[in-house]
Amino acid sequence: MCRALIHDPTLLLLDEPFGALDQFTREELWEIMQQLWIEKRPTVLLVTHDLKEAAYLASRICVMQARPGRIVDDSAVPFARRAPSKFPTSRNSFHLRSGFANASWPHVPSGR
């Protein structure tokens, strides 16, 4: 990621950039990414399987279903950029993440 940021890009494409990190390091880097976005305002396309990460870093979230690959949900994040320490307990973030979890697995029967 440092190699991409050194050129001060206006578009940043990230594919699971925090996936191999422990939770503490991952959340520290979320804060850095949030600050980078606030200061530089690049367009960022972030691919992740972590709904908390998506809700924290995004202003818009698209949920994609596999086979066939297609967008099954496209929603704006309903709250403004926020302080990391206040984010995880937000009622809106819980409902947002729950809604995306349901949207991303329409083929799983309820009760499983």
Foldseek 3Di string as FASTA:
>chain_A
DVVVPVVLALEEEEECPCVVDDPVVSLVVLVVLLVCCVVRVHHYDYHDPDLLSCLQNAQKDWAWEVDPTDTQDIGGNPDDRDDSVPPPVDPSSVVVSVVSVCSNCVPDDPPD
